[in-house]
């Protein structure tokens, strides 16, 4: 099944603006996988996520949702 033509055209146009980079182990370490974004952006949980990041030697991150 293919995406609608307008969607395919949009993403094709984005390729002209994108920079393609090598996926390295360091890049993979930065990924965040969310199976439920609603729970991740819950404002009371963000300090806990950042505490885990700091404990593991990573920087704090901002987790925001669009209004």
PDB file of N, CA and C in Angstrom:
ATOM      1  N   UNK A   1       0.855  -1.174   0.000  1.00  0.00           N
ATOM      2  CA  UNK A   1       0.000   0.000   0.000  1.00  0.00           C
ATOM      3  C   UNK A   1       0.901   1.238   0.000  1.00  0.00           C
ATOM      4  N   UNK A   2       0.537   2.213  -0.789  1.00  0.00           N
ATOM      5  CA  UNK A   2       1.320   3.439  -0.898  1.00  0.00           C
ATOM      6  C   UNK A   2       0.612   4.590  -0.216  1.00  0.00           C
ATOM      7  N   UNK A   3       1.405   5.560   0.218  1.00  0.00           N
ATOM      8  CA  UNK A   3       0.837   6.782   0.789  1.00  0.00           C
ATOM      9  C   UNK A   3       0.169   7.584  -0.320  1.00  0.00           C
ATOM     10  N   UNK A   4      -0.765   8.465   0.029  1.00  0.00           N
ATOM     11  CA  UNK A   4      -1.379   9.319  -0.980  1.00  0.00           C
ATOM     12  C   UNK A   4      -0.314  10.158  -1.707  1.00  0.00           C
ATOM     13  N   UNK A   5      -0.596  10.531  -2.933  1.00  0.00           N
ATOM     14  CA  UNK A   5       0.349  11.272  -3.761  1.00  0.00           C
ATOM     15  C   UNK A   5       0.860  12.529  -3.056  1.00  0.00           C
ATOM     16  N   UNK A   6      -0.025  13.266  -2.396  1.00  0.00           N
ATOM     17  CA  UNK A   6       0.390  14.505  -1.722  1.00  0.00           C
ATOM     18  C   UNK A   6       1.416  14.221  -0.625  1.00  0.00           C
ATOM     19  N   UNK A   7       1.251  13.126   0.071  1.00  0.00           N
ATOM     20  CA  UNK A   7       2.188  12.753   1.139  1.00  0.00           C
ATOM     21  C   UNK A   7       3.531  12.369   0.538  1.00  0.00           C
ATOM     22  N   UNK A   8       3.515  11.573  -0.526  1.00  0.00           N
ATOM     23  CA  UNK A   8       4.761  11.182  -1.176  1.00  0.00           C
ATOM     24  C   UNK A   8       5.500  12.392  -1.732  1.00  0.00           C
ATOM     25  N   UNK A   9       4.774  13.338  -2.317  1.00  0.00           N
ATOM     26  CA  UNK A   9       5.401  14.550  -2.847  1.00  0.00           C
ATOM     27  C   UNK A   9       6.015  15.383  -1.730  1.00  0.00           C
ATOM     28  N   UNK A  10       5.297  15.487  -0.602  1.00  0.00           N
ATOM     29  CA  UNK A  10       5.821  16.252   0.526  1.00  0.00           C
ATOM     30  C   UNK A  10       7.145  15.676   1.006  1.00  0.00           C
ATOM     31  N   UNK A  11       7.196  14.366   1.230  1.00  0.00           N
ATOM     32  CA  UNK A  11       8.427  13.762   1.737  1.00  0.00           C
ATOM     33  C   UNK A  11       9.537  13.769   0.696  1.00  0.00           C
ATOM     34  N   UNK A  12       9.187  13.676  -0.567  1.00  0.00           N
ATOM     35  CA  UNK A  12      10.202  13.786  -1.616  1.00  0.00           C
ATOM     36  C   UNK A  12      10.816  15.182  -1.603  1.00  0.00           C
ATOM     37  N   UNK A  13       9.999  16.211  -1.367  1.00  0.00           N
ATOM     38  CA  UNK A  13      10.526  17.581  -1.313  1.00  0.00           C
ATOM     39  C   UNK A  13      11.410  17.782  -0.083  1.00  0.00           C
ATOM     40  N   UNK A  14      11.125  17.076   1.000  1.00  0.00           N
ATOM     41  CA  UNK A  14      11.939  17.190   2.212  1.00  0.00           C
ATOM     42  C   UNK A  14      13.339  16.601   2.002  1.00  0.00           C
ATOM     43  N   UNK A  15      13.450  15.621   1.126  1.00  0.00           N
ATOM     44  CA  UNK A  15      14.760  15.031   0.851  1.00  0.00           C
ATOM     45  C   UNK A  15      15.730  16.055   0.282  1.00  0.00           C
ATOM     46  N   UNK A  16      15.197  17.051  -0.419  1.00  0.00           N
ATOM     47  CA  UNK A  16      16.052  18.102  -0.976  1.00  0.00           C
ATOM     48  C   UNK A  16      16.644  18.974   0.129  1.00  0.00           C
ATOM     49  N   UNK A  17      15.972  19.043   1.275  1.00  0.00           N
ATOM     50  CA  UNK A  17      16.413  19.879   2.394  1.00  0.00           C
ATOM     51  C   UNK A  17      17.196  19.097   3.437  1.00  0.00           C
ATOM     52  N   UNK A  18      17.103  17.791   3.381  1.00  0.00           N
ATOM     53  CA  UNK A  18      17.680  16.952   4.429  1.00  0.00           C
ATOM     54  C   UNK A  18      19.163  16.698   4.186  1.00  0.00           C
ATOM     55  N   UNK A  19      19.862  16.498   5.276  1.00  0.00           N
ATOM     56  CA  UNK A  19      21.252  16.069   5.219  1.00  0.00           C
ATOM     57  C   UNK A  19      21.294  14.600   5.631  1.00  0.00           C
ATOM     58  N   UNK A  20      21.809  13.779   4.792  1.00  0.00           N
ATOM     59  CA  UNK A  20      21.889  12.354   5.079  1.00  0.00           C
ATOM     60  C   UNK A  20      23.216  12.095   5.781  1.00  0.00           C
ATOM     61  N   UNK A  21      23.137  11.485   6.946  1.00  0.00           N
ATOM     62  CA  UNK A  21      24.336  11.204   7.723  1.00  0.00           C
ATOM     63  C   UNK A  21      24.428   9.711   8.016  1.00  0.00           C
ATOM     64  N   UNK A  22      25.630   9.288   8.328  1.00  0.00           N
ATOM     65  CA  UNK A  22      25.849   7.890   8.672  1.00  0.00           C
ATOM     66  C   UNK A  22      25.231   7.581  10.033  1.00  0.00           C
ATOM     67  N   UNK A  23      24.582   6.445  10.143  1.00  0.00           N
ATOM     68  CA  UNK A  23      24.030   6.005  11.420  1.00  0.00           C
ATOM     69  C   UNK A  23      25.123   5.228  12.137  1.00  0.00           C
ATOM     70  N   UNK A  24      25.660   5.852  13.179  1.00  0.00           N
ATOM     71  CA  UNK A  24      26.749   5.248  13.941  1.00  0.00           C
ATOM     72  C   UNK A  24      26.219   4.729  15.269  1.00  0.00           C
ATOM     73  N   UNK A  25      27.001   3.951  15.995  1.00  0.00           N
ATOM     74  CA  UNK A  25      26.560   3.515  17.325  1.00  0.00           C
ATOM     75  C   UNK A  25      26.237   4.704  18.241  1.00  0.00           C
ATOM     76  N   UNK A  26      26.996   5.794  18.113  1.00  0.00           N
ATOM     77  CA  UNK A  26      26.715   6.977  18.925  1.00  0.00           C
ATOM     78  C   UNK A  26      25.359   7.582  18.620  1.00  0.00           C
ATOM     79  N   UNK A  27      25.005   7.602  17.348  1.00  0.00           N
ATOM     80  CA  UNK A  27      23.686   8.112  16.952  1.00  0.00           C
ATOM     81  C   UNK A  27      22.593   7.211  17.513  1.00  0.00           C
ATOM     82  N   UNK A  28      22.803   5.918  17.429  1.00  0.00           N
ATOM     83  CA  UNK A  28      21.806   4.993  17.955  1.00  0.00           C
ATOM     84  C   UNK A  28      21.641   5.136  19.461  1.00  0.00           C
ATOM     85  N   UNK A  29      22.693   5.520  20.168  1.00  0.00           N
ATOM     86  CA  UNK A  29      22.597   5.738  21.614  1.00  0.00           C
ATOM     87  C   UNK A  29      21.692   6.909  21.948  1.00  0.00           C
ATOM     88  N   UNK A  30      21.504   7.832  21.005  1.00  0.00           N
ATOM     89  CA  UNK A  30      20.696   9.029  21.249  1.00  0.00           C
ATOM     90  C   UNK A  30      19.206   8.822  20.995  1.00  0.00           C
ATOM     91  N   UNK A  31      18.836   7.718  20.420  1.00  0.00           N
ATOM     92  CA  UNK A  31      17.443   7.530  20.020  1.00  0.00           C
ATOM     93  C   UNK A  31      16.534   7.363  21.235  1.00  0.00           C
ATOM     94  N   UNK A  32      15.330   7.778  21.043  1.00  0.00           N
ATOM     95  CA  UNK A  32      14.287   7.582  22.053  1.00  0.00           C
ATOM     96  C   UNK A  32      13.115   6.928  21.341  1.00  0.00           C
ATOM     97  N   UNK A  33      12.659   5.831  21.876  1.00  0.00           N
ATOM     98  CA  UNK A  33      11.529   5.140  21.274  1.00  0.00           C
ATOM     99  C   UNK A  33      10.339   5.304  22.201  1.00  0.00           C
ATOM    100  N   UNK A  34       9.248   5.766  21.650  1.00  0.00           N
ATOM    101  CA  UNK A  34       8.044   5.972  22.442  1.00  0.00           C
ATOM    102  C   UNK A  34       6.914   5.125  21.899  1.00  0.00           C
ATOM    103  N   UNK A  35       6.353   4.296  22.728  1.00  0.00           N
ATOM    104  CA  UNK A  35       5.185   3.549  22.318  1.00  0.00           C
ATOM    105  C   UNK A  35       3.932   4.302  22.730  1.00  0.00           C
ATOM    106  N   UNK A  36       4.080   5.328  23.569  1.00  0.00           N
ATOM    107  CA  UNK A  36       2.925   6.117  23.977  1.00  0.00           C
ATOM    108  C   UNK A  36       3.394   7.524  24.321  1.00  0.00           C
ATOM    109  N   UNK A  37       3.445   8.375  23.334  1.00  0.00           N
ATOM    110  CA  UNK A  37       3.976   9.727  23.509  1.00  0.00           C
ATOM    111  C   UNK A  37       3.225  10.501  24.589  1.00  0.00           C
ATOM    112  N   UNK A  38       1.930  10.274  24.726  1.00  0.00           N
ATOM    113  CA  UNK A  38       1.132  10.991  25.715  1.00  0.00           C
ATOM    114  C   UNK A  38       1.719  10.830  27.115  1.00  0.00           C
ATOM    115  N   UNK A  39       2.212   9.652  27.447  1.00  0.00           N
ATOM    116  CA  UNK A  39       2.772   9.420  28.769  1.00  0.00           C
ATOM    117  C   UNK A  39       4.161  10.034  28.915  1.00  0.00           C
ATOM    118  N   UNK A  40       4.934  10.058  27.843  1.00  0.00           N
ATOM    119  CA  UNK A  40       6.280  10.621  27.928  1.00  0.00           C
ATOM    120  C   UNK A  40       6.245  12.118  28.175  1.00  0.00           C
ATOM    121  N   UNK A  41       5.306  12.846  27.568  1.00  0.00           N
ATOM    122  CA  UNK A  41       5.277  14.298  27.727  1.00  0.00           C
ATOM    123  C   UNK A  41       4.558  14.743  28.996  1.00  0.00           C
ATOM    124  N   UNK A  42       4.129  13.824  29.816  1.00  0.00           N
ATOM    125  CA  UNK A  42       3.468  14.195  31.071  1.00  0.00           C
ATOM    126  C   UNK A  42       4.440  14.999  31.913  1.00  0.00           C
ATOM    127  N   UNK A  43       4.062  16.250  32.233  1.00  0.00           N
ATOM    128  CA  UNK A  43       4.999  17.187  32.860  1.00  0.00           C
ATOM    129  C   UNK A  43       5.579  16.697  34.185  1.00  0.00           C
ATOM    130  N   UNK A  44       4.882  15.844  34.907  1.00  0.00           N
ATOM    131  CA  UNK A  44       5.402  15.371  36.190  1.00  0.00           C
ATOM    132  C   UNK A  44       6.462  14.285  36.019  1.00  0.00           C
ATOM    133  N   UNK A  45       6.531  13.660  34.868  1.00  0.00           N
ATOM    134  CA  UNK A  45       7.492  12.587  34.642  1.00  0.00           C
ATOM    135  C   UNK A  45       8.811  13.072  34.058  1.00  0.00           C
ATOM    136  N   UNK A  46       8.820  14.242  33.414  1.00  0.00           N
ATOM    137  CA  UNK A  46      10.026  14.735  32.743  1.00  0.00           C
ATOM    138  C   UNK A  46      11.219  14.840  33.695  1.00  0.00           C
ATOM    139  N   UNK A  47      11.069  15.363  34.929  1.00  0.00           N
ATOM    140  CA  UNK A  47      12.225  15.401  35.830  1.00  0.00           C
ATOM    141  C   UNK A  47      12.812  14.006  36.111  1.00  0.00           C
ATOM    142  N   UNK A  48      11.971  12.998  36.153  1.00  0.00           N
ATOM    143  CA  UNK A  48      12.460  11.631  36.359  1.00  0.00           C
ATOM    144  C   UNK A  48      13.282  11.140  35.182  1.00  0.00           C
ATOM    145  N   UNK A  49      12.821  11.442  33.964  1.00  0.00           N
ATOM    146  CA  UNK A  49      13.594  11.062  32.777  1.00  0.00           C
ATOM    147  C   UNK A  49      14.948  11.747  32.790  1.00  0.00           C
ATOM    148  N   UNK A  50      14.951  13.031  33.150  1.00  0.00           N
ATOM    149  CA  UNK A  50      16.212  13.763  33.176  1.00  0.00           C
ATOM    150  C   UNK A  50      17.135  13.261  34.284  1.00  0.00           C
ATOM    151  N   UNK A  51      16.583  12.833  35.400  1.00  0.00           N
ATOM    152  CA  UNK A  51      17.414  12.279  36.473  1.00  0.00           C
ATOM    153  C   UNK A  51      18.132  11.021  35.990  1.00  0.00           C
ATOM    154  N   UNK A  52      17.430  10.175  35.260  1.00  0.00           N
ATOM    155  CA  UNK A  52      18.045   8.962  34.721  1.00  0.00           C
ATOM    156  C   UNK A  52      19.144   9.342  33.731  1.00  0.00           C
ATOM    157  N   UNK A  53      18.877  10.337  32.878  1.00  0.00           N
ATOM    158  CA  UNK A  53      19.895  10.781  31.923  1.00  0.00           C
ATOM    159  C   UNK A  53      21.158  11.234  32.640  1.00  0.00           C
ATOM    160  N   UNK A  54      20.993  12.053  33.665  1.00  0.00           N
ATOM    161  CA  UNK A  54      22.148  12.579  34.403  1.00  0.00           C
ATOM    162  C   UNK A  54      22.904  11.451  35.098  1.00  0.00           C
ATOM    163  N   UNK A  55      22.187  10.516  35.690  1.00  0.00           N
ATOM    164  CA  UNK A  55      22.835   9.386  36.350  1.00  0.00           C
ATOM    165  C   UNK A  55      23.676   8.553  35.384  1.00  0.00           C
ATOM    166  N   UNK A  56      23.271   8.552  34.125  1.00  0.00           N
ATOM    167  CA  UNK A  56      24.002   7.783  33.111  1.00  0.00           C
ATOM    168  C   UNK A  56      24.995   8.651  32.331  1.00  0.00           C
ATOM    169  N   UNK A  57      25.218   9.872  32.816  1.00  0.00           N
ATOM    170  CA  UNK A  57      26.213  10.734  32.185  1.00  0.00           C
ATOM    171  C   UNK A  57      25.740  11.466  30.948  1.00  0.00           C
ATOM    172  N   UNK A  58      24.431  11.522  30.732  1.00  0.00           N
ATOM    173  CA  UNK A  58      23.881  12.223  29.572  1.00  0.00           C
ATOM    174  C   UNK A  58      23.358  13.592  29.993  1.00  0.00           C
ATOM    175  N   UNK A  59      23.125  14.451  29.017  1.00  0.00           N
ATOM    176  CA  UNK A  59      22.549  15.765  29.283  1.00  0.00           C
ATOM    177  C   UNK A  59      21.048  15.633  29.526  1.00  0.00           C
ATOM    178  N   UNK A  60      20.506  16.640  30.218  1.00  0.00           N
ATOM    179  CA  UNK A  60      19.059  16.702  30.350  1.00  0.00           C
ATOM    180  C   UNK A  60      18.466  17.075  29.002  1.00  0.00           C
ATOM    181  N   UNK A  61      17.230  16.660  28.775  1.00  0.00           N
ATOM    182  CA  UNK A  61      16.550  16.975  27.519  1.00  0.00           C
ATOM    183  C   UNK A  61      15.222  17.646  27.807  1.00  0.00           C
ATOM    184  N   UNK A  62      14.749  18.401  26.846  1.00  0.00           N
ATOM    185  CA  UNK A  62      13.418  18.985  26.927  1.00  0.00           C
ATOM    186  C   UNK A  62      12.461  18.051  26.192  1.00  0.00           C
ATOM    187  N   UNK A  63      11.363  17.736  26.814  1.00  0.00           N
ATOM    188  CA  UNK A  63      10.338  16.916  26.181  1.00  0.00           C
ATOM    189  C   UNK A  63       9.087  17.776  26.131  1.00  0.00           C
ATOM    190  N   UNK A  64       8.701  18.136  24.921  1.00  0.00           N
ATOM    191  CA  UNK A  64       7.583  19.054  24.741  1.00  0.00           C
ATOM    192  C   UNK A  64       6.565  18.454  23.796  1.00  0.00           C
ATOM    193  N   UNK A  65       5.328  18.845  23.974  1.00  0.00           N
ATOM    194  CA  UNK A  65       4.291  18.457  23.013  1.00  0.00           C
ATOM    195  C   UNK A  65       3.734  19.737  22.406  1.00  0.00           C
ATOM    196  N   UNK A  66       3.268  19.615  21.204  1.00  0.00           N
ATOM    197  CA  UNK A  66       2.668  20.771  20.542  1.00  0.00           C
ATOM    198  C   UNK A  66       1.294  21.003  21.110  1.00  0.00           C
ATOM    199  N   UNK A  67       0.897  22.269  21.251  1.00  0.00           N
ATOM    200  CA  UNK A  67      -0.450  22.557  21.781  1.00  0.00           C
ATOM    201  C   UNK A  67      -1.552  22.108  20.850  1.00  0.00           C
TER     202      UNK A  67
END
